[in-house]
Amino acid sequence: MIERVNPPELGTPRGFSHAVVGTGKMVLLAGQTALNPEGRIVGEDVVEQFEQALSSLLTSLRAAGGTPEDLASLTVYIVDMDDYKARSRDIGGVWKRLIGNHYPAMAGVGVSRLWDIEALIEVQGVAILPE
């Protein structure tokens, strides 16, 4: 079970939850970039790379027995924060298509680079599955 907690004194969150409380089996999801099965970064821009990275994270989650609704926390590592913010509407569209209106506790962290120099974004998460 997951409960999203959004205290009114913090304002209405957009695209994330302020806190998530859950009971069940915890799944730690490794960071995923836009690597394809052949080990190459795919996607020409941050939106395409976000879609590939999030899809890979969700593939791992499903293999562990979970669903997108089970995501409790997600950290997004971003190489170009200005570009990410400028494309936030498109990134939100990818989110809605792949996950819907379920928002975990989230953080966006600006980084100078990721493991693969071509990678523009990486996502890492925690899910809580019902027991």
Protein backbone atom coordinates (compact mmCIF):
# COMPACT_ATOMS: atom_id res chain seq x y z
CA MET A 1 0.00 0.00 0.00
CA ILE A 2 1.21 3.46 -0.88
CA GLU A 3 -0.21 6.72 0.46
CA ARG A 4 0.84 10.01 -1.09
CA VAL A 5 1.06 12.81 1.46
CA ASN A 6 0.86 16.44 0.37
CA PRO A 7 0.50 18.83 3.32
CA PRO A 8 -1.46 21.96 2.31
CA GLU A 9 1.07 24.23 4.02
CA LEU A 10 3.67 23.16 1.43
CA GLY A 11 1.50 24.12 -1.52
CA THR A 12 0.14 21.90 -4.24
CA PRO A 13 2.88 19.82 -5.85
CA ARG A 14 3.00 19.52 -9.63
CA GLY A 15 4.50 16.34 -11.00
CA PHE A 16 5.60 14.89 -7.65
CA SER A 17 4.38 14.10 -4.13
CA HIS A 18 5.87 15.73 -1.04
CA ALA A 19 5.97 12.40 0.81
CA VAL A 20 5.02 8.79 0.21
CA VAL A 21 4.23 6.32 2.97
CA GLY A 22 4.12 2.64 2.15
CA THR A 23 4.12 -0.83 3.58
CA GLY A 24 5.16 -3.93 1.68
CA LYS A 25 8.16 -5.32 -0.16
CA MET A 26 10.74 -2.67 -1.11
CA VAL A 27 12.30 -2.76 -4.59
CA LEU A 28 15.44 -0.69 -5.20
CA LEU A 29 15.67 0.23 -8.87
CA ALA A 30 19.10 0.89 -10.36
CA GLY A 31 19.73 4.06 -12.30
CA GLN A 32 18.70 3.81 -15.93
CA THR A 33 19.89 5.99 -18.78
CA ALA A 34 18.75 5.81 -22.40
CA LEU A 35 20.74 2.64 -23.08
CA ASN A 36 19.13 0.27 -25.55
CA PRO A 37 19.53 -3.53 -25.26
CA GLU A 38 22.71 -3.32 -27.36
CA GLY A 39 24.29 -0.98 -24.82
CA ARG A 40 24.06 2.22 -26.90
CA ILE A 41 22.51 5.51 -25.82
CA VAL A 42 19.45 6.25 -27.96
CA GLY A 43 17.48 9.45 -28.34
CA GLU A 44 18.53 12.75 -29.81
CA ASP A 45 17.20 14.95 -27.02
CA VAL A 46 16.31 14.92 -23.33
CA VAL A 47 12.66 13.97 -23.98
CA GLU A 48 13.55 10.92 -26.08
CA GLN A 49 16.22 9.91 -23.59
CA PHE A 50 13.82 10.38 -20.65
CA GLU A 51 11.32 8.08 -22.35
CA GLN A 52 13.92 5.36 -22.89
CA ALA A 53 15.32 5.67 -19.36
CA LEU A 54 11.89 5.66 -17.69
CA SER A 55 10.77 2.74 -19.87
CA SER A 56 13.84 0.76 -18.79
CA LEU A 57 13.19 1.56 -15.13
CA LEU A 58 9.57 0.40 -15.51
CA THR A 59 10.74 -2.78 -17.25
CA SER A 60 12.89 -3.56 -14.20
CA LEU A 61 10.00 -2.74 -11.89
CA ARG A 62 7.62 -5.04 -13.77
CA ALA A 63 10.23 -7.84 -13.76
CA ALA A 64 10.31 -7.47 -9.95
CA GLY A 65 6.53 -7.87 -9.83
CA GLY A 66 5.56 -4.21 -9.58
CA THR A 67 3.57 -1.65 -11.51
CA PRO A 68 4.18 2.08 -12.10
CA GLU A 69 1.72 2.86 -9.28
CA ASP A 70 4.16 1.15 -6.86
CA LEU A 71 6.87 3.82 -7.38
CA ALA A 72 7.47 5.52 -4.05
CA SER A 73 10.54 7.60 -4.90
CA LEU A 74 12.31 8.69 -8.07
CA THR A 75 15.51 10.67 -8.54
CA VAL A 76 16.19 12.23 -11.93
CA TYR A 77 19.81 13.13 -12.71
CA ILE A 78 19.93 15.87 -15.35
CA VAL A 79 22.94 17.04 -17.35
CA ASP A 80 21.33 20.23 -18.72
CA MET A 81 18.79 21.57 -16.23
CA ASP A 82 17.78 24.53 -18.42
CA ASP A 83 16.96 22.18 -21.31
CA TYR A 84 15.05 19.83 -18.97
CA LYS A 85 12.98 22.70 -17.60
CA ALA A 86 12.31 24.08 -21.10
CA ARG A 87 11.07 20.63 -22.19
CA SER A 88 9.17 19.89 -18.96
CA ARG A 89 5.77 19.86 -20.69
CA ASP A 90 6.97 17.22 -23.17
CA ILE A 91 8.62 15.22 -20.39
CA GLY A 92 5.35 15.41 -18.46
CA GLY A 93 3.56 13.99 -21.50
CA VAL A 94 5.91 11.01 -21.52
CA TRP A 95 5.25 10.55 -17.78
CA LYS A 96 1.48 10.61 -18.24
CA ARG A 97 1.66 8.14 -21.12
CA LEU A 98 3.91 5.66 -19.27
CA ILE A 99 2.75 6.12 -15.66
CA GLY A 100 -0.41 8.21 -15.59
CA ASN A 101 -1.22 10.49 -12.67
CA HIS A 102 0.73 8.60 -10.01
CA TYR A 103 3.52 10.74 -8.60
CA PRO A 104 6.22 9.46 -6.24
CA ALA A 105 8.36 11.60 -4.00
CA MET A 106 10.86 13.03 -6.48
CA ALA A 107 14.10 14.95 -6.78
CA GLY A 108 15.79 16.46 -9.82
CA VAL A 109 19.56 16.74 -9.49
CA GLY A 110 21.78 18.65 -11.89
CA VAL A 111 25.01 16.81 -12.72
CA SER A 112 27.99 17.67 -14.91
CA ARG A 113 27.87 14.32 -16.74
CA LEU A 114 26.73 10.73 -16.48
CA TRP A 115 28.60 7.43 -16.97
CA ASP A 116 28.03 7.48 -20.73
CA ILE A 117 29.04 10.87 -22.11
CA GLU A 118 26.05 10.84 -24.54
CA ALA A 119 23.56 10.35 -21.71
CA LEU A 120 21.52 13.45 -20.90
CA ILE A 121 19.40 11.96 -18.11
CA GLU A 122 19.28 9.08 -15.62
CA VAL A 123 16.41 7.90 -13.43
CA GLN A 124 16.70 5.86 -10.23
CA GLY A 125 13.85 4.75 -8.04
CA VAL A 126 12.37 2.90 -5.10
CA ALA A 127 9.09 1.01 -5.27
CA ILE A 128 6.97 -0.57 -2.56
CA LEU A 129 5.03 -3.65 -3.64
CA PRO A 130 2.06 -5.05 -1.75
CA GLU A 131 2.93 -8.11 0.32
